[in-house]
Structure formats: structure tokens, C-alpha cells
N, C-alpha and C. Protein backbone atom coordinates (compact mmCIF):
# COMPACT_ATOMS: atom_id res chain seq x y z
N MET A 1 -6.44 17.35 53.61
CA MET A 1 -5.92 17.79 52.49
C MET A 1 -7.13 17.03 51.61
N ASN A 2 -7.96 17.81 50.46
CA ASN A 2 -8.62 16.86 49.48
C ASN A 2 -7.91 16.51 48.40
N GLU A 3 -8.47 15.72 47.56
CA GLU A 3 -8.27 15.17 46.60
C GLU A 3 -7.70 16.21 45.36
N SER A 4 -8.26 17.15 45.06
CA SER A 4 -7.83 18.19 44.17
C SER A 4 -6.69 18.78 44.69
N THR A 5 -6.35 19.12 45.72
CA THR A 5 -4.83 19.63 46.43
C THR A 5 -3.98 18.29 46.46
N GLU A 6 -4.12 17.27 46.45
CA GLU A 6 -3.24 16.08 46.32
C GLU A 6 -2.79 16.07 44.73
N VAL A 7 -3.77 16.02 43.91
CA VAL A 7 -3.24 16.00 42.65
C VAL A 7 -2.40 17.18 42.22
N ILE A 8 -2.89 18.31 42.50
CA ILE A 8 -2.17 19.35 42.57
C ILE A 8 -0.63 19.42 42.76
N ASN A 9 -0.58 19.02 44.05
CA ASN A 9 0.64 18.89 44.78
C ASN A 9 1.65 17.92 44.01
N GLU A 10 0.97 16.77 43.45
CA GLU A 10 1.66 15.62 43.01
C GLU A 10 2.24 16.49 41.67
N LEU A 11 1.43 17.02 40.81
CA LEU A 11 1.79 17.81 39.69
C LEU A 11 2.99 18.54 39.68
N LEU A 12 2.82 19.78 40.78
CA LEU A 12 3.75 20.72 41.00
C LEU A 12 5.22 19.91 41.42
N GLU A 13 4.92 18.77 42.28
CA GLU A 13 6.33 18.36 42.44
C GLU A 13 7.08 17.46 41.30
N THR A 14 6.38 16.91 40.41
CA THR A 14 6.61 16.33 38.74
C THR A 14 7.51 17.42 38.37
N ILE A 15 6.89 18.54 38.62
CA ILE A 15 7.54 20.00 37.57
C ILE A 15 8.36 20.57 38.14
N GLY A 16 8.83 20.16 39.62
CA GLY A 16 9.65 20.90 40.27
C GLY A 16 9.82 22.12 41.06
N VAL A 17 8.54 22.41 41.05
CA VAL A 17 8.20 23.68 41.53
C VAL A 17 7.47 23.65 43.10
N GLY A 18 7.58 22.84 43.62
CA GLY A 18 7.02 22.38 45.01
C GLY A 18 5.64 22.39 45.27
N ALA A 19 5.11 21.77 46.05
CA ALA A 19 3.69 21.83 46.50
C ALA A 19 2.86 22.92 46.95
N ALA A 20 3.75 24.01 47.79
CA ALA A 20 3.13 25.08 48.03
C ALA A 20 2.85 26.06 46.82
N TYR A 21 3.55 25.78 45.49
CA TYR A 21 3.17 26.92 44.78
C TYR A 21 1.73 27.10 44.48
N ARG A 22 1.41 28.28 43.96
CA ARG A 22 -0.15 28.50 43.71
C ARG A 22 0.04 29.58 42.60
N ASN A 23 -1.11 29.79 42.08
CA ASN A 23 -1.36 31.06 41.04
C ASN A 23 -2.77 30.98 40.83
N PRO A 24 -3.12 32.22 40.25
CA PRO A 24 -4.66 32.11 40.27
C PRO A 24 -5.31 30.92 39.68
N ALA A 25 -4.83 30.29 38.37
CA ALA A 25 -5.53 29.64 37.78
C ALA A 25 -5.69 27.97 38.49
N ILE A 26 -4.52 27.97 39.46
CA ILE A 26 -4.67 26.66 40.22
C ILE A 26 -5.23 27.08 41.45
N GLU A 27 -5.66 28.16 42.02
CA GLU A 27 -6.58 28.29 42.77
C GLU A 27 -7.71 28.27 42.85
N LEU A 28 -8.42 28.74 41.57
CA LEU A 28 -9.43 28.50 41.05
C LEU A 28 -10.15 26.72 40.83
N LEU A 29 -9.00 25.85 40.28
CA LEU A 29 -9.36 24.60 39.89
C LEU A 29 -9.70 23.72 41.38
N GLU A 30 -8.57 24.29 42.33
CA GLU A 30 -8.45 23.54 43.75
C GLU A 30 -9.67 24.29 44.70
N LYS A 31 -9.92 25.50 44.35
CA LYS A 31 -11.51 25.75 45.35
C LYS A 31 -12.46 25.05 44.58
N GLY A 32 -12.69 24.62 43.44
CA GLY A 32 -13.69 24.29 42.92
C GLY A 32 -13.79 22.74 42.74
N GLN A 33 -12.50 22.04 43.37
CA GLN A 33 -12.34 20.86 43.36
C GLN A 33 -12.83 20.29 41.94
N SER A 34 -11.97 20.75 40.92
CA SER A 34 -12.09 20.60 39.66
C SER A 34 -11.68 19.01 39.28
N ARG A 35 -12.72 18.36 38.54
CA ARG A 35 -12.26 17.01 38.00
C ARG A 35 -11.43 17.10 37.14
N TYR A 36 -11.19 18.05 36.30
CA TYR A 36 -10.26 18.11 35.53
C TYR A 36 -8.66 18.12 36.06
N LEU A 37 -8.49 18.50 37.10
CA LEU A 37 -7.20 18.43 37.63
C LEU A 37 -6.48 17.09 37.29
N ARG A 38 -7.23 15.84 37.72
CA ARG A 38 -6.94 14.45 37.36
C ARG A 38 -6.44 14.37 35.82
N ASP A 39 -7.25 14.97 35.11
CA ASP A 39 -7.00 14.97 33.57
C ASP A 39 -5.69 15.72 33.33
N LEU A 40 -5.47 16.93 33.65
CA LEU A 40 -4.33 17.63 33.53
C LEU A 40 -2.97 16.96 33.75
N LYS A 41 -3.10 16.25 35.16
CA LYS A 41 -2.03 15.78 35.45
C LYS A 41 -1.71 14.35 34.85
N LEU A 42 -2.71 13.64 34.27
CA LEU A 42 -2.11 12.61 33.40
C LEU A 42 -2.24 13.20 31.91
N ASN A 43 -2.38 13.87 31.76
CA ASN A 43 -2.02 14.66 30.07
C ASN A 43 -0.86 14.91 30.37
N PHE A 44 -0.63 15.72 31.15
CA PHE A 44 0.92 16.08 31.27
C PHE A 44 2.02 15.04 31.41
N SER A 45 1.58 14.00 32.36
CA SER A 45 2.59 13.06 32.47
C SER A 45 2.73 12.22 31.22
N SER A 46 1.68 11.95 30.25
CA SER A 46 1.76 11.27 29.14
C SER A 46 2.57 12.07 27.94
N THR A 47 3.08 13.41 28.34
CA THR A 47 4.12 14.17 27.40
C THR A 47 5.37 13.79 27.47
N LEU A 48 5.60 12.87 28.66
CA LEU A 48 6.89 12.20 29.10
C LEU A 48 7.36 11.12 28.33
N ALA A 49 6.29 10.37 27.48
CA ALA A 49 6.87 9.17 26.76
C ALA A 49 6.11 9.01 25.47
N SER A 50 6.78 8.49 24.81
CA SER A 50 6.52 7.99 23.39
C SER A 50 7.01 6.99 22.96
N GLU A 51 6.07 6.61 22.22
CA GLU A 51 6.54 5.16 21.45
C GLU A 51 7.27 5.57 19.95
N HIS A 52 7.14 7.01 19.73
CA HIS A 52 7.87 7.27 18.18
C HIS A 52 8.79 8.53 18.57
N LEU A 53 9.05 8.88 19.74
CA LEU A 53 9.96 9.92 19.71
C LEU A 53 10.97 9.60 20.88
N THR A 54 12.21 9.77 21.03
CA THR A 54 13.05 9.47 22.21
C THR A 54 12.52 10.60 23.21
N ALA A 55 13.32 10.26 24.50
CA ALA A 55 12.92 11.10 25.65
C ALA A 55 13.77 12.41 25.51
N LYS A 56 14.88 12.19 24.89
CA LYS A 56 15.81 13.48 24.65
C LYS A 56 14.78 14.36 23.83
N GLU A 57 14.03 13.92 22.69
CA GLU A 57 13.39 14.35 21.67
C GLU A 57 11.88 15.46 22.26
N ILE A 58 11.50 14.46 23.22
CA ILE A 58 10.41 15.09 24.05
C ILE A 58 10.62 16.25 24.68
N GLY A 59 11.73 16.23 25.46
CA GLY A 59 12.32 17.15 26.00
C GLY A 59 12.45 18.60 25.22
N LEU A 60 13.16 18.34 24.33
CA LEU A 60 13.50 19.18 23.09
C LEU A 60 11.98 19.87 22.96
N LEU A 61 10.93 18.98 22.15
CA LEU A 61 10.10 19.69 21.75
C LEU A 61 9.30 20.43 22.99
N GLY A 62 9.27 19.81 24.29
CA GLY A 62 8.48 20.44 25.29
C GLY A 62 9.05 21.99 25.62
N LEU A 63 10.45 21.88 25.40
CA LEU A 63 10.86 23.12 25.46
C LEU A 63 10.67 24.04 24.68
N SER A 64 10.81 23.90 23.08
CA SER A 64 10.55 24.61 22.38
C SER A 64 9.17 24.99 22.31
N ILE A 65 8.04 24.42 22.89
CA ILE A 65 6.51 25.01 23.39
C ILE A 65 6.75 25.84 24.02
N ALA A 66 7.41 25.25 25.31
CA ALA A 66 7.38 26.34 26.39
C ALA A 66 7.97 27.58 26.21
N VAL A 67 8.96 27.67 25.52
CA VAL A 67 9.74 29.21 25.47
C VAL A 67 8.67 29.93 24.25
N ASN A 68 8.41 29.16 23.35
CA ASN A 68 7.18 29.62 22.32
C ASN A 68 5.95 30.22 23.52
N ASN A 69 5.55 29.68 24.41
CA ASN A 69 4.31 29.94 25.03
C ASN A 69 4.71 31.23 26.29
N ILE A 70 5.95 31.17 26.22
CA ILE A 70 6.81 31.88 27.52
C ILE A 70 6.33 31.57 28.72
N ASN A 71 6.37 30.36 29.03
CA ASN A 71 6.21 29.68 30.50
C ASN A 71 7.58 29.16 30.83
N ASN A 72 8.43 29.89 31.85
CA ASN A 72 9.30 29.79 32.45
C ASN A 72 9.32 28.61 33.56
N LEU A 73 8.00 28.34 33.86
CA LEU A 73 8.18 26.82 34.51
C LEU A 73 8.43 25.65 34.20
N LEU A 74 7.76 25.75 32.99
CA LEU A 74 7.79 24.57 32.33
C LEU A 74 8.97 24.57 31.17
N GLY A 75 9.64 25.66 30.77
CA GLY A 75 10.83 25.49 29.94
C GLY A 75 11.85 25.08 30.95
N ASP A 76 11.89 25.53 32.17
CA ASP A 76 12.91 24.96 33.46
C ASP A 76 13.07 23.55 33.13
N PHE A 77 11.88 23.06 33.35
CA PHE A 77 11.27 21.57 33.62
C PHE A 77 11.81 20.87 32.22
N TYR A 78 11.22 21.32 31.19
CA TYR A 78 11.86 20.39 29.97
C TYR A 78 13.22 20.70 29.63
N ALA A 79 13.81 21.71 30.00
CA ALA A 79 15.57 22.13 29.90
C ALA A 79 16.07 20.94 30.88
N LYS A 80 15.52 20.56 31.66
CA LYS A 80 16.30 19.80 32.70
C LYS A 80 16.14 18.50 32.22
N PHE A 81 14.97 18.11 31.72
CA PHE A 81 14.61 16.67 31.36
C PHE A 81 15.32 16.24 30.09
N SER A 82 15.43 17.65 29.37
CA SER A 82 16.26 17.39 28.18
C SER A 82 17.65 16.82 28.20
N GLU A 83 18.06 17.54 29.42
CA GLU A 83 19.55 17.32 29.64
C GLU A 83 19.76 16.05 30.49
N GLU A 84 18.99 15.73 31.48
CA GLU A 84 19.00 14.51 32.00
C GLU A 84 19.01 13.37 31.06
N ASN A 85 18.31 13.51 29.65
CA ASN A 85 18.13 12.38 28.81
C ASN A 85 19.11 12.50 27.41
N GLY A 86 20.10 13.26 27.93
CA GLY A 86 21.42 13.66 26.73
C GLY A 86 21.73 14.42 26.11
N ALA A 87 20.17 15.65 26.14
CA ALA A 87 20.82 16.67 25.37
C ALA A 87 21.92 17.47 25.88
N THR A 88 22.59 18.01 24.61
CA THR A 88 23.53 18.99 24.98
C THR A 88 23.34 20.21 25.19
N ALA A 89 24.13 21.37 25.69
CA ALA A 89 23.73 22.43 25.84
C ALA A 89 23.69 23.04 24.58
N GLU A 90 24.30 22.84 23.51
CA GLU A 90 23.64 23.28 22.06
C GLU A 90 22.30 22.93 21.54
N GLU A 91 22.29 21.66 22.04
CA GLU A 91 20.86 21.20 21.28
C GLU A 91 19.45 21.95 22.11
N ILE A 92 20.02 22.14 23.42
CA ILE A 92 18.81 22.98 24.30
C ILE A 92 18.54 24.26 24.28
N SER A 93 19.80 25.15 23.49
CA SER A 93 19.64 26.26 22.95
C SER A 93 19.11 26.43 21.68
N GLU A 94 19.37 25.21 20.92
CA GLU A 94 18.88 25.67 19.55
C GLU A 94 17.02 25.27 19.49
N ALA A 95 16.66 24.52 20.58
CA ALA A 95 15.34 24.12 20.78
C ALA A 95 14.69 25.72 21.12
N ALA A 96 15.36 26.57 21.96
CA ALA A 96 14.76 27.71 22.43
C ALA A 96 14.80 28.81 21.16
N ALA A 97 15.69 28.71 20.21
CA ALA A 97 16.09 29.35 19.40
C ALA A 97 14.95 28.76 18.37
N CYS A 98 14.70 27.58 18.12
CA CYS A 98 13.97 27.31 17.10
C CYS A 98 12.25 28.04 17.20
N ALA A 99 11.60 28.20 18.54
CA ALA A 99 10.82 28.63 19.10
C ALA A 99 10.58 30.07 18.57
N SER A 100 11.41 31.03 18.82
CA SER A 100 11.60 32.50 18.76
C SER A 100 11.78 32.41 16.86
N LEU A 101 12.29 31.59 16.16
CA LEU A 101 12.48 31.74 14.75
C LEU A 101 11.11 31.63 14.21
N LEU A 102 10.61 30.52 14.65
CA LEU A 102 9.31 30.19 14.11
C LEU A 102 8.17 30.81 14.20
N ALA A 103 8.59 31.86 15.62
CA ALA A 103 7.47 32.90 15.95
C ALA A 103 7.54 34.11 14.68
N SER A 104 8.75 34.28 14.09
CA SER A 104 8.49 35.61 13.28
C SER A 104 7.81 34.59 12.02
N ASN A 105 8.37 33.38 11.66
CA ASN A 105 7.84 32.75 10.39
C ASN A 105 6.25 32.50 10.79
N ASN A 106 5.87 32.34 11.51
CA ASN A 106 4.18 31.78 11.71
C ASN A 106 3.57 33.34 11.35
N VAL A 107 4.22 34.51 12.06
CA VAL A 107 3.29 35.73 12.08
C VAL A 107 3.43 35.98 10.17
N PHE A 108 4.71 36.07 9.62
CA PHE A 108 4.74 36.60 8.49
C PHE A 108 4.06 35.49 7.60
N TYR A 109 4.12 34.15 7.75
CA TYR A 109 3.58 33.52 6.45
C TYR A 109 2.08 33.13 6.57
N ARG A 110 1.38 33.50 7.80
CA ARG A 110 0.10 33.48 8.10
C ARG A 110 -0.40 34.86 7.36
N PHE A 111 0.50 35.96 7.46
CA PHE A 111 0.08 37.03 6.80
C PHE A 111 -0.19 36.78 5.19
N ARG A 112 0.80 36.25 4.58
CA ARG A 112 0.67 36.06 3.21
C ARG A 112 -0.29 35.21 3.01
N HIS A 113 -0.48 34.21 3.70
CA HIS A 113 -1.52 33.08 3.47
C HIS A 113 -2.83 33.95 3.43
N PHE A 114 -3.16 34.61 4.82
CA PHE A 114 -4.08 35.33 4.99
C PHE A 114 -4.94 36.06 3.93
N THR A 115 -3.78 37.17 3.31
CA THR A 115 -4.15 37.92 2.47
C THR A 115 -4.37 37.28 0.95
N GLN A 116 -3.52 36.35 0.63
CA GLN A 116 -3.77 35.82 -0.62
C GLN A 116 -3.23 36.72 -1.89
N LYS A 117 -2.40 37.74 -1.50
CA LYS A 117 -1.96 38.43 -2.80
C LYS A 117 -0.70 38.34 -3.18
N GLU A 118 -0.87 38.07 -4.65
CA GLU A 118 0.60 37.83 -5.09
C GLU A 118 1.77 38.56 -4.96
N LYS A 119 1.46 39.60 -4.63
CA LYS A 119 2.47 40.78 -4.50
C LYS A 119 3.07 40.44 -3.31
N TYR A 120 2.49 40.21 -2.17
CA TYR A 120 3.28 39.65 -0.79
C TYR A 120 4.38 38.54 -1.17
N THR A 121 3.83 37.68 -1.96
CA THR A 121 4.98 36.48 -2.11
C THR A 121 5.85 36.54 -3.26
N GLN A 122 5.94 37.94 -3.97
CA GLN A 122 7.30 38.47 -4.45
C GLN A 122 7.94 38.95 -4.05
N ILE A 123 7.88 39.87 -2.55
CA ILE A 123 8.72 40.80 -1.71
C ILE A 123 9.55 39.73 -1.05
N PRO A 124 10.60 39.75 -0.95
CA PRO A 124 11.71 39.09 -0.20
C PRO A 124 11.14 39.05 1.27
N ALA A 125 11.09 38.02 2.09
CA ALA A 125 10.71 37.96 3.34
C ALA A 125 11.95 38.79 4.25
N ARG A 126 13.13 38.81 3.94
CA ARG A 126 14.27 39.37 4.69
C ARG A 126 14.06 38.91 5.82
N ILE A 127 13.94 37.53 6.46
CA ILE A 127 13.88 37.24 7.73
C ILE A 127 15.30 36.02 7.65
N ARG A 128 16.25 36.04 8.52
CA ARG A 128 17.21 35.32 8.38
C ARG A 128 17.20 33.84 8.90
N MET A 129 17.48 32.85 8.50
CA MET A 129 16.98 31.46 9.02
C MET A 129 18.22 30.65 8.77
N GLN A 130 19.56 31.00 8.98
CA GLN A 130 20.59 29.98 9.15
C GLN A 130 20.59 28.91 9.79
N ILE A 131 20.00 29.02 11.21
CA ILE A 131 19.92 28.04 11.87
C ILE A 131 19.24 26.68 11.46
N MET A 132 18.24 27.08 10.27
CA MET A 132 17.49 25.89 9.56
C MET A 132 18.31 24.98 8.66
N ALA A 133 19.39 25.91 8.29
CA ALA A 133 20.20 25.02 7.26
C ALA A 133 20.68 23.95 7.95
N LYS A 134 21.70 24.23 9.12
CA LYS A 134 22.57 23.05 9.67
C LYS A 134 22.18 23.11 11.26
N PRO A 135 21.03 22.73 11.49
CA PRO A 135 20.73 22.62 12.98
C PRO A 135 21.26 21.64 13.52
N VAL A 136 21.97 21.70 14.77
CA VAL A 136 22.53 20.59 16.00
C VAL A 136 21.81 19.45 15.92
N THR A 137 20.67 19.62 16.11
CA THR A 137 19.64 18.59 16.43
C THR A 137 19.70 18.01 14.98
N GLY A 138 19.89 18.11 13.95
CA GLY A 138 19.45 17.25 12.84
C GLY A 138 18.38 17.92 12.05
N LYS A 139 18.43 17.93 10.62
CA LYS A 139 17.25 18.59 10.07
C LYS A 139 16.10 18.14 10.10
N GLU A 140 15.97 16.74 10.15
CA GLU A 140 14.32 16.30 10.60
C GLU A 140 13.98 16.37 11.92
N PHE A 141 14.52 16.45 13.11
CA PHE A 141 14.41 16.82 14.03
C PHE A 141 13.52 18.38 14.15
N PHE A 142 14.52 19.04 13.70
CA PHE A 142 14.49 20.53 13.76
C PHE A 142 13.32 20.76 12.58
N GLU A 143 12.82 19.95 11.52
CA GLU A 143 11.65 20.21 11.05
C GLU A 143 10.41 19.77 11.85
N LEU A 144 10.62 18.93 12.73
CA LEU A 144 9.41 18.44 13.37
C LEU A 144 9.26 19.36 14.84
N ALA A 145 10.27 19.77 15.38
CA ALA A 145 9.87 20.97 16.30
C ALA A 145 9.30 22.35 15.56
N SER A 146 9.80 22.37 14.32
CA SER A 146 9.10 23.36 13.67
C SER A 146 7.60 23.41 13.49
N LEU A 147 7.50 22.24 12.93
CA LEU A 147 5.82 21.75 12.89
C LEU A 147 5.12 22.20 14.06
N ALA A 148 5.81 21.39 15.26
CA ALA A 148 4.82 21.60 16.27
C ALA A 148 4.85 23.21 16.65
N VAL A 149 5.62 23.85 16.51
CA VAL A 149 5.54 25.28 17.24
C VAL A 149 4.55 25.82 16.19
N SER A 150 4.79 25.41 15.13
CA SER A 150 3.76 26.38 13.85
C SER A 150 2.05 25.75 14.12
N ALA A 151 2.19 24.22 14.53
CA ALA A 151 0.53 24.03 15.03
C ALA A 151 0.06 24.85 15.89
N VAL A 152 0.97 25.18 17.10
CA VAL A 152 0.62 25.62 18.28
C VAL A 152 0.14 27.24 18.00
N ASN A 153 0.99 27.87 17.03
CA ASN A 153 0.91 29.28 16.57
C ASN A 153 -0.25 29.34 15.54
N GLY A 154 -0.86 28.44 14.93
CA GLY A 154 -1.82 28.43 14.02
C GLY A 154 -1.55 28.70 12.48
N CYS A 155 -0.52 28.76 12.15
CA CYS A 155 0.14 29.21 10.52
C CYS A 155 -0.28 27.66 9.93
N GLU A 156 -0.89 27.93 9.15
CA GLU A 156 -1.98 26.54 8.29
C GLU A 156 -0.35 26.36 7.08
N MET A 157 -0.29 27.76 6.75
CA MET A 157 1.04 27.35 5.69
C MET A 157 2.29 26.57 5.96
N CYS A 158 2.75 27.12 7.37
CA CYS A 158 3.75 26.68 7.99
C CYS A 158 3.68 25.22 8.31
N VAL A 159 2.58 24.58 8.53
CA VAL A 159 2.11 23.13 9.03
C VAL A 159 2.57 22.47 7.80
N ASN A 160 1.61 22.92 6.68
CA ASN A 160 1.74 22.09 5.52
C ASN A 160 3.36 22.19 4.74
N ALA A 161 3.67 22.99 5.00
CA ALA A 161 5.23 23.22 4.59
C ALA A 161 6.20 22.10 5.44
N HIS A 162 5.97 22.08 6.67
CA HIS A 162 6.86 21.37 7.45
C HIS A 162 6.51 20.06 7.50
N GLU A 163 4.85 19.40 7.50
CA GLU A 163 4.76 18.09 7.54
C GLU A 163 4.97 17.51 5.91
N ASP A 164 5.00 18.39 5.07
CA ASP A 164 5.30 17.72 3.88
C ASP A 164 6.88 17.40 3.77
N SER A 165 7.63 18.30 4.46
CA SER A 165 8.89 18.36 4.20
C SER A 165 9.47 17.10 4.71
N LEU A 166 8.53 16.99 6.07
CA LEU A 166 9.00 15.60 7.08
C LEU A 166 8.73 14.40 6.04
N ILE A 167 7.39 14.48 5.80
CA ILE A 167 6.98 13.46 5.00
C ILE A 167 7.98 13.03 3.89
N LYS A 168 8.51 13.79 3.06
CA LYS A 168 9.51 13.40 1.96
C LYS A 168 10.98 13.03 2.54
N MET A 169 11.08 13.35 4.02
CA MET A 169 12.21 12.99 4.84
C MET A 169 12.09 11.47 5.01
N GLY A 170 10.96 10.76 5.16
CA GLY A 170 10.98 9.51 5.56
C GLY A 170 10.02 9.34 6.77
N THR A 171 9.79 10.95 7.36
CA THR A 171 9.13 10.58 8.89
C THR A 171 7.73 10.03 8.97
N THR A 172 7.71 8.94 9.82
CA THR A 172 6.36 8.38 9.77
C THR A 172 5.32 9.60 10.37
N GLU A 173 3.71 9.43 9.81
CA GLU A 173 2.93 10.15 10.19
C GLU A 173 2.89 9.97 12.03
N GLU A 174 2.86 8.82 12.58
CA GLU A 174 2.84 8.57 13.80
C GLU A 174 3.80 9.55 14.96
N ARG A 175 4.95 9.91 14.19
CA ARG A 175 5.89 10.58 14.70
C ARG A 175 5.35 11.88 14.80
N ILE A 176 4.92 12.40 13.49
CA ILE A 176 4.66 13.63 13.38
C ILE A 176 3.52 13.98 14.21
N PHE A 177 2.34 13.13 14.51
CA PHE A 177 1.21 13.35 15.10
C PHE A 177 1.40 13.13 16.40
N ASP A 178 2.46 12.56 17.27
CA ASP A 178 2.89 12.56 18.63
C ASP A 178 3.40 13.71 18.93
N ALA A 179 4.23 14.50 18.08
CA ALA A 179 4.86 15.74 18.35
C ALA A 179 3.72 16.82 18.45
N VAL A 180 3.16 17.01 17.46
CA VAL A 180 1.85 17.98 17.63
C VAL A 180 0.86 17.30 19.18
N ARG A 181 0.86 16.12 19.53
CA ARG A 181 -0.04 15.82 20.45
C ARG A 181 0.83 16.16 21.48
N ILE A 182 2.11 16.09 21.80
CA ILE A 182 2.93 16.60 22.84
C ILE A 182 3.02 18.23 23.15
N ALA A 183 2.99 18.76 22.18
CA ALA A 183 2.79 20.16 21.90
C ALA A 183 1.42 20.81 22.57
N SER A 184 0.27 20.11 21.95
CA SER A 184 -0.58 20.68 22.69
C SER A 184 -1.08 20.29 24.00
N LEU A 185 -0.64 19.31 24.35
CA LEU A 185 -0.90 18.93 26.00
C LEU A 185 0.43 20.05 26.76
N VAL A 186 1.68 20.15 26.28
CA VAL A 186 2.41 21.44 27.11
C VAL A 186 1.49 22.49 26.77
N THR A 187 1.25 23.03 25.80
CA THR A 187 0.22 24.45 25.65
C THR A 187 -0.75 24.36 26.87
N ALA A 188 -1.63 23.06 26.96
CA ALA A 188 -2.78 23.06 27.65
C ALA A 188 -2.08 23.14 29.12
N THR A 189 -1.10 22.62 29.65
CA THR A 189 -0.42 22.43 31.24
C THR A 189 -0.18 23.99 31.20
N GLY A 190 0.63 24.41 30.43
CA GLY A 190 0.92 25.95 30.70
C GLY A 190 -0.28 26.89 30.79
N LYS A 191 -1.46 26.73 30.69
CA LYS A 191 -2.47 27.42 30.79
C LYS A 191 -2.76 27.44 32.50
N ILE A 192 -2.39 26.31 32.90
CA ILE A 192 -2.68 26.25 34.53
C ILE A 192 -1.47 26.54 35.19
N ILE A 193 -0.27 25.99 34.43
CA ILE A 193 1.09 25.77 35.71
C ILE A 193 1.81 27.05 34.69
N TYR A 194 1.83 28.17 35.32
CA TYR A 194 2.57 29.26 34.79
C TYR A 194 3.49 30.16 35.83
């Protein structure tokens, strides 16, 4: 067994899919004995710890991003990780719901931002967002997850609005940065593990 295969197997075991799992992306990296595999493994591992987020928050953020990216393997991993670190079924459900709500908001508000037409800002959005009013994970964390999903989806208006809201709530920039860092690494892992 070469080093690339060993690294892949370690990563897959961590995620809980078993060392035998393969898909076309993994096979390409394994066949080429890509040096990137070690980076991928270390980057994924770094999503599981933070000085600014609890393990439960890390799991819920990872789950929101995995659901947003339609990645069932990582979604299952982060749901289990969340539960193992104290998340309730309601909190886990809300993390998935956050991804869905923000998907609609990100498309809608990107459209408004791209067109920059006053008329579109005057027409009601008619997007129901009651979950944002009283989230079970708390307003601050829901905003943090919303920011992370919006960053992944590339909605500048949404990122700015959520970041501004978080700063006004007293959230540190380090906490915000770590949430987005984790979102970026979950997304990167999902390009190979799917």
C-alpha cells in the first residue's frame, strides 16, 4: 500500500465511510499519488477543532455546509459529530433548515445586488423566514451559520448583512473568521469526498 492510499484510508475512516470507499475524484488523486491528499486530510481534521467555536457549533456549521453542498457523506458525519457533542435533534434539524433558507435568500439577494435596480428593492421578497426570528440554536449562532452558508454561496450582500449583524451582537471577528474558514474547508473536502 502506497502513502496516498494510506492517507485516503485514514481520511475515509475518520469520516466513517470505510477504507474501501472510492469515487472518481479519490481514484484520480490515488492513482497520481497526489501530494494534495495529505493537505486534504489535515485541512479536514482542522475543521474539528477551534479556539472560537464549540465542538457542537463546529458540527452544526459543518452540517449546514454539507447540506448546502448536497454532500450526504459529510452531512452524515457532521450530524453524528454534532449529536456526539451535545446537539439536540431540533438543533441538527435547524442546521439543515438554515442551509435551505439561505439558498433561497442567497439567490434572491444576489439578484437584487447584481441588477442594482431600485424597483427590485421595492417589491416584497415573499420569502418566509420565521426560523430566523427564534432559532433554537440562538440568534447569534444562526446568524453565524447564515454567514458561513452565504460565503459559500457567494452572496456579497448577505455576507455583509450577516457579518454586520454579528458584529453588532458582539461576536468577535475571530469567531466569524473561523466559521468561514471551516465552511471553506468542508466545501473543499466535499469536492473529493462525496
